[in-house]
Amino acid sequence: MSRFAELLTPSLPEGFTIPEPLDRAWSWMEAQGWGRENGNGYFVTPYAGDRQLGPVFSPQESLVGWFEPGDPGYDQLVPIAEISGDGGTGAMWLDGDRVRFVGLGSDGDTFLLADSAVDFLRLIAIGHHELNTWDLESEPEEEDAVEAHAAFRRWVESEFDTTVPPVWSTADPDPFEAWVGQMQEKR
């Protein structure tokens, strides 16, 4: 088990487990030396260096502003990453009996990122600087971010016998957006 998973596990809602491919990826990142502790806690990245060039995984992420303890749906989400420089959050979503990966944007947008842990890792490996709805269906513009993800991209393709696409397709209609709307109506 990765150190990241060890730190995240105590805060998981009942019935939630970390998908094995995601924990393998965190272990790989840590083995590369891409896990660090700072004044904000522990974090890992799928790239080397101190600049934010993509998602930053942190077990300290929060749902504050979106869901509070006791709110309908709160126990179906586990925040795991900062996905944009403006504070967007990436989370695991327990949708029935499967874990999907979603984004909660700082401007109130909600969106499905991936239907599985392997697909989430494939999305990250593309090399987008930020994961948001308006950039995903285009090739990344930040060459430094694409290059920074090259080792992770090779690892994902080899480890899961898959390919990383140059662009990502988003869901339309978006089931996570609809679910968040339903949960907000129940408050």
Protein backbone atom coordinates (compact mmCIF):
# COMPACT_ATOMS: atom_id res chain seq x y z
CA MET A 1 0.00 0.00 0.00
CA SER A 2 1.30 3.46 -0.88
CA ARG A 3 1.94 6.02 1.83
CA PHE A 4 -0.72 8.14 0.13
CA ALA A 5 -3.32 5.36 0.51
CA GLU A 6 -2.30 4.85 4.15
CA LEU A 7 -2.98 8.54 4.83
CA LEU A 8 -6.25 8.58 2.88
CA THR A 9 -7.78 5.32 4.15
CA PRO A 10 -8.79 6.52 7.65
CA SER A 11 -10.99 9.23 6.13
CA LEU A 12 -12.80 6.98 3.64
CA PRO A 13 -16.57 6.70 4.08
CA GLU A 14 -17.91 3.28 4.97
CA GLY A 15 -18.02 1.00 1.93
CA PHE A 16 -15.36 2.95 0.02
CA THR A 17 -12.14 1.27 -1.06
CA ILE A 18 -9.28 2.72 -3.06
CA PRO A 19 -9.17 1.19 -6.54
CA GLU A 20 -6.06 -0.99 -6.86
CA PRO A 21 -4.78 0.67 -10.09
CA LEU A 22 -4.87 4.06 -8.38
CA ASP A 23 -2.88 2.80 -5.39
CA ARG A 24 -0.36 1.20 -7.76
CA ALA A 25 0.05 4.56 -9.50
CA TRP A 26 0.58 6.37 -6.18
CA SER A 27 3.17 3.73 -5.20
CA TRP A 28 4.95 4.23 -8.53
CA MET A 29 4.95 8.04 -8.08
CA GLU A 30 6.38 7.63 -4.59
CA ALA A 31 9.07 5.24 -5.88
CA GLN A 32 10.12 7.96 -8.37
CA GLY A 33 10.58 10.38 -5.46
CA TRP A 34 7.55 12.45 -6.49
CA GLY A 35 5.91 12.35 -3.06
CA ARG A 36 6.67 15.15 -0.63
CA GLU A 37 5.68 16.61 2.68
CA ASN A 38 5.36 20.36 3.11
CA GLY A 39 3.49 22.79 5.35
CA ASN A 40 0.21 21.77 3.72
CA GLY A 41 0.71 18.03 4.28
CA TYR A 42 1.67 15.11 2.04
CA PHE A 43 1.20 15.10 -1.73
CA VAL A 44 2.28 13.13 -4.82
CA THR A 45 2.43 14.09 -8.48
CA PRO A 46 2.67 12.11 -11.74
CA TYR A 47 5.67 14.25 -12.76
CA ALA A 48 8.96 15.46 -11.28
CA GLY A 49 9.74 18.96 -10.07
CA ASP A 50 8.31 21.67 -7.90
CA ARG A 51 6.11 23.43 -10.49
CA GLN A 52 2.48 22.41 -10.76
CA LEU A 53 2.24 20.88 -14.24
CA GLY A 54 -0.89 18.79 -13.73
CA PRO A 55 -2.93 17.18 -10.96
CA VAL A 56 -1.53 17.17 -7.44
CA PHE A 57 -2.78 14.27 -5.31
CA SER A 58 -3.32 15.15 -1.66
CA PRO A 59 -5.13 13.22 1.09
CA GLN A 60 -5.94 16.61 2.66
CA GLU A 61 -8.31 17.70 -0.13
CA SER A 62 -11.79 18.75 0.96
CA LEU A 63 -15.36 18.95 -0.29
CA VAL A 64 -15.94 22.26 1.54
CA GLY A 65 -18.09 24.53 -0.58
CA TRP A 66 -19.65 21.57 -2.35
CA PHE A 67 -20.76 19.10 0.29
CA GLU A 68 -20.65 19.16 4.09
CA PRO A 69 -20.78 16.15 6.44
CA GLY A 70 -24.39 15.02 6.65
CA ASP A 71 -25.37 16.45 3.25
CA PRO A 72 -27.00 14.02 0.81
CA GLY A 73 -24.20 12.53 -1.30
CA TYR A 74 -21.34 13.53 1.01
CA ASP A 75 -20.43 9.90 1.77
CA GLN A 76 -20.35 9.07 -1.95
CA LEU A 77 -17.39 11.37 -2.69
CA VAL A 78 -13.72 11.24 -1.69
CA PRO A 79 -11.60 14.22 -2.75
CA ILE A 80 -8.12 13.13 -3.85
CA ALA A 81 -6.50 15.84 -5.99
CA GLU A 82 -6.22 19.46 -6.93
CA ILE A 83 -6.91 19.42 -10.66
CA SER A 84 -6.60 23.11 -11.52
CA GLY A 85 -4.68 26.09 -10.28
CA ASP A 86 -7.89 27.86 -9.28
CA GLY A 87 -8.77 25.18 -6.73
CA GLY A 88 -10.73 22.62 -8.76
CA THR A 89 -10.97 19.27 -6.99
CA GLY A 90 -10.75 15.77 -8.39
CA ALA A 91 -12.68 13.13 -6.48
CA MET A 92 -13.69 9.50 -6.46
CA TRP A 93 -17.47 9.11 -6.79
CA LEU A 94 -19.22 5.99 -5.55
CA ASP A 95 -21.92 5.68 -8.21
CA GLY A 96 -23.95 2.64 -7.24
CA ASP A 97 -21.44 -0.20 -7.02
CA ARG A 98 -18.61 1.39 -9.02
CA VAL A 99 -16.06 4.12 -8.41
CA ARG A 100 -15.90 6.84 -11.05
CA PHE A 101 -13.71 9.94 -11.17
CA VAL A 102 -15.13 13.45 -11.22
CA GLY A 103 -14.21 17.11 -11.13
CA LEU A 104 -15.66 19.86 -8.96
CA GLY A 105 -14.62 23.17 -10.48
CA SER A 106 -14.04 26.38 -8.59
CA ASP A 107 -16.68 28.16 -10.69
CA GLY A 108 -19.44 25.71 -9.80
CA ASP A 109 -19.00 23.33 -12.71
CA THR A 110 -19.22 19.59 -12.11
CA PHE A 111 -18.11 16.96 -14.58
CA LEU A 112 -17.32 13.30 -15.04
CA LEU A 113 -13.63 12.72 -15.76
CA ALA A 114 -13.46 8.93 -16.12
CA ASP A 115 -15.47 5.76 -15.56
CA SER A 116 -12.62 3.74 -14.04
CA ALA A 117 -9.30 4.14 -12.26
CA VAL A 118 -7.34 3.04 -15.33
CA ASP A 119 -9.19 5.55 -17.50
CA PHE A 120 -8.52 8.26 -14.91
CA LEU A 121 -4.81 7.43 -15.04
CA ARG A 122 -4.91 7.46 -18.86
CA LEU A 123 -6.51 10.92 -18.75
CA ILE A 124 -3.84 12.26 -16.40
CA ALA A 125 -1.08 10.75 -18.55
CA ILE A 126 -2.18 12.87 -21.54
CA GLY A 127 -0.41 15.76 -19.85
CA HIS A 128 -3.00 18.48 -19.41
CA HIS A 129 -1.83 21.25 -17.11
CA GLU A 130 -5.38 21.42 -15.70
CA LEU A 131 -8.33 19.04 -15.89
CA ASN A 132 -11.36 21.13 -16.77
CA THR A 133 -14.28 20.79 -19.14
CA TRP A 134 -13.04 23.26 -21.76
CA ASP A 135 -9.56 21.74 -22.28
CA LEU A 136 -10.12 17.98 -22.17
CA GLU A 137 -11.38 17.48 -25.71
CA SER A 138 -8.33 19.27 -27.17
CA GLU A 139 -4.68 18.33 -27.25
CA PRO A 140 -2.76 19.92 -24.38
CA GLU A 141 -1.26 23.29 -25.26
CA GLU A 142 1.41 23.31 -22.55
CA GLU A 143 4.32 21.33 -23.99
CA ASP A 144 6.17 21.46 -20.66
CA ALA A 145 3.25 19.67 -18.97
CA VAL A 146 3.06 17.05 -21.76
CA GLU A 147 6.80 16.40 -21.48
CA ALA A 148 6.64 16.30 -17.66
CA HIS A 149 4.08 13.46 -17.88
CA ALA A 150 6.12 11.38 -20.39
CA ALA A 151 7.50 8.87 -17.84
CA PHE A 152 4.07 8.48 -16.25
CA ARG A 153 2.48 8.03 -19.68
CA ARG A 154 4.96 5.23 -20.53
CA TRP A 155 4.31 3.58 -17.14
CA VAL A 156 0.49 3.70 -17.56
CA GLU A 157 0.68 2.22 -21.05
CA SER A 158 3.05 -0.55 -19.97
CA GLU A 159 1.51 -1.31 -16.58
CA PHE A 160 -2.09 -1.55 -17.82
CA ASP A 161 -1.44 -2.68 -21.41
CA THR A 162 -3.32 0.31 -22.78
CA THR A 163 -2.75 3.40 -24.85
CA VAL A 164 -3.01 7.02 -23.77
CA PRO A 165 -5.05 9.02 -26.28
CA PRO A 166 -4.01 12.51 -27.44
CA VAL A 167 -7.42 13.95 -26.45
CA TRP A 168 -10.19 12.91 -24.08
CA SER A 169 -13.92 12.54 -24.72
CA THR A 170 -16.28 13.98 -22.14
CA ALA A 171 -19.70 12.63 -21.22
CA ASP A 172 -22.76 14.30 -22.74
CA PRO A 173 -25.13 14.28 -20.99
CA ASP A 174 -22.96 14.26 -17.90
CA PRO A 175 -24.24 11.83 -15.23
CA PHE A 176 -22.23 13.45 -12.44
CA GLU A 177 -23.63 16.89 -13.18
CA ALA A 178 -27.15 15.41 -13.01
CA TRP A 179 -26.36 13.59 -9.75
CA VAL A 180 -24.99 16.75 -8.08
CA GLY A 181 -28.19 18.56 -9.10
CA GLN A 182 -30.29 15.81 -7.50
CA MET A 183 -28.25 15.94 -4.28
CA GLN A 184 -28.58 19.74 -4.07
CA GLU A 185 -32.37 19.45 -4.43
CA LYS A 186 -32.45 17.11 -1.40
CA ARG A 187 -30.81 19.64 0.92
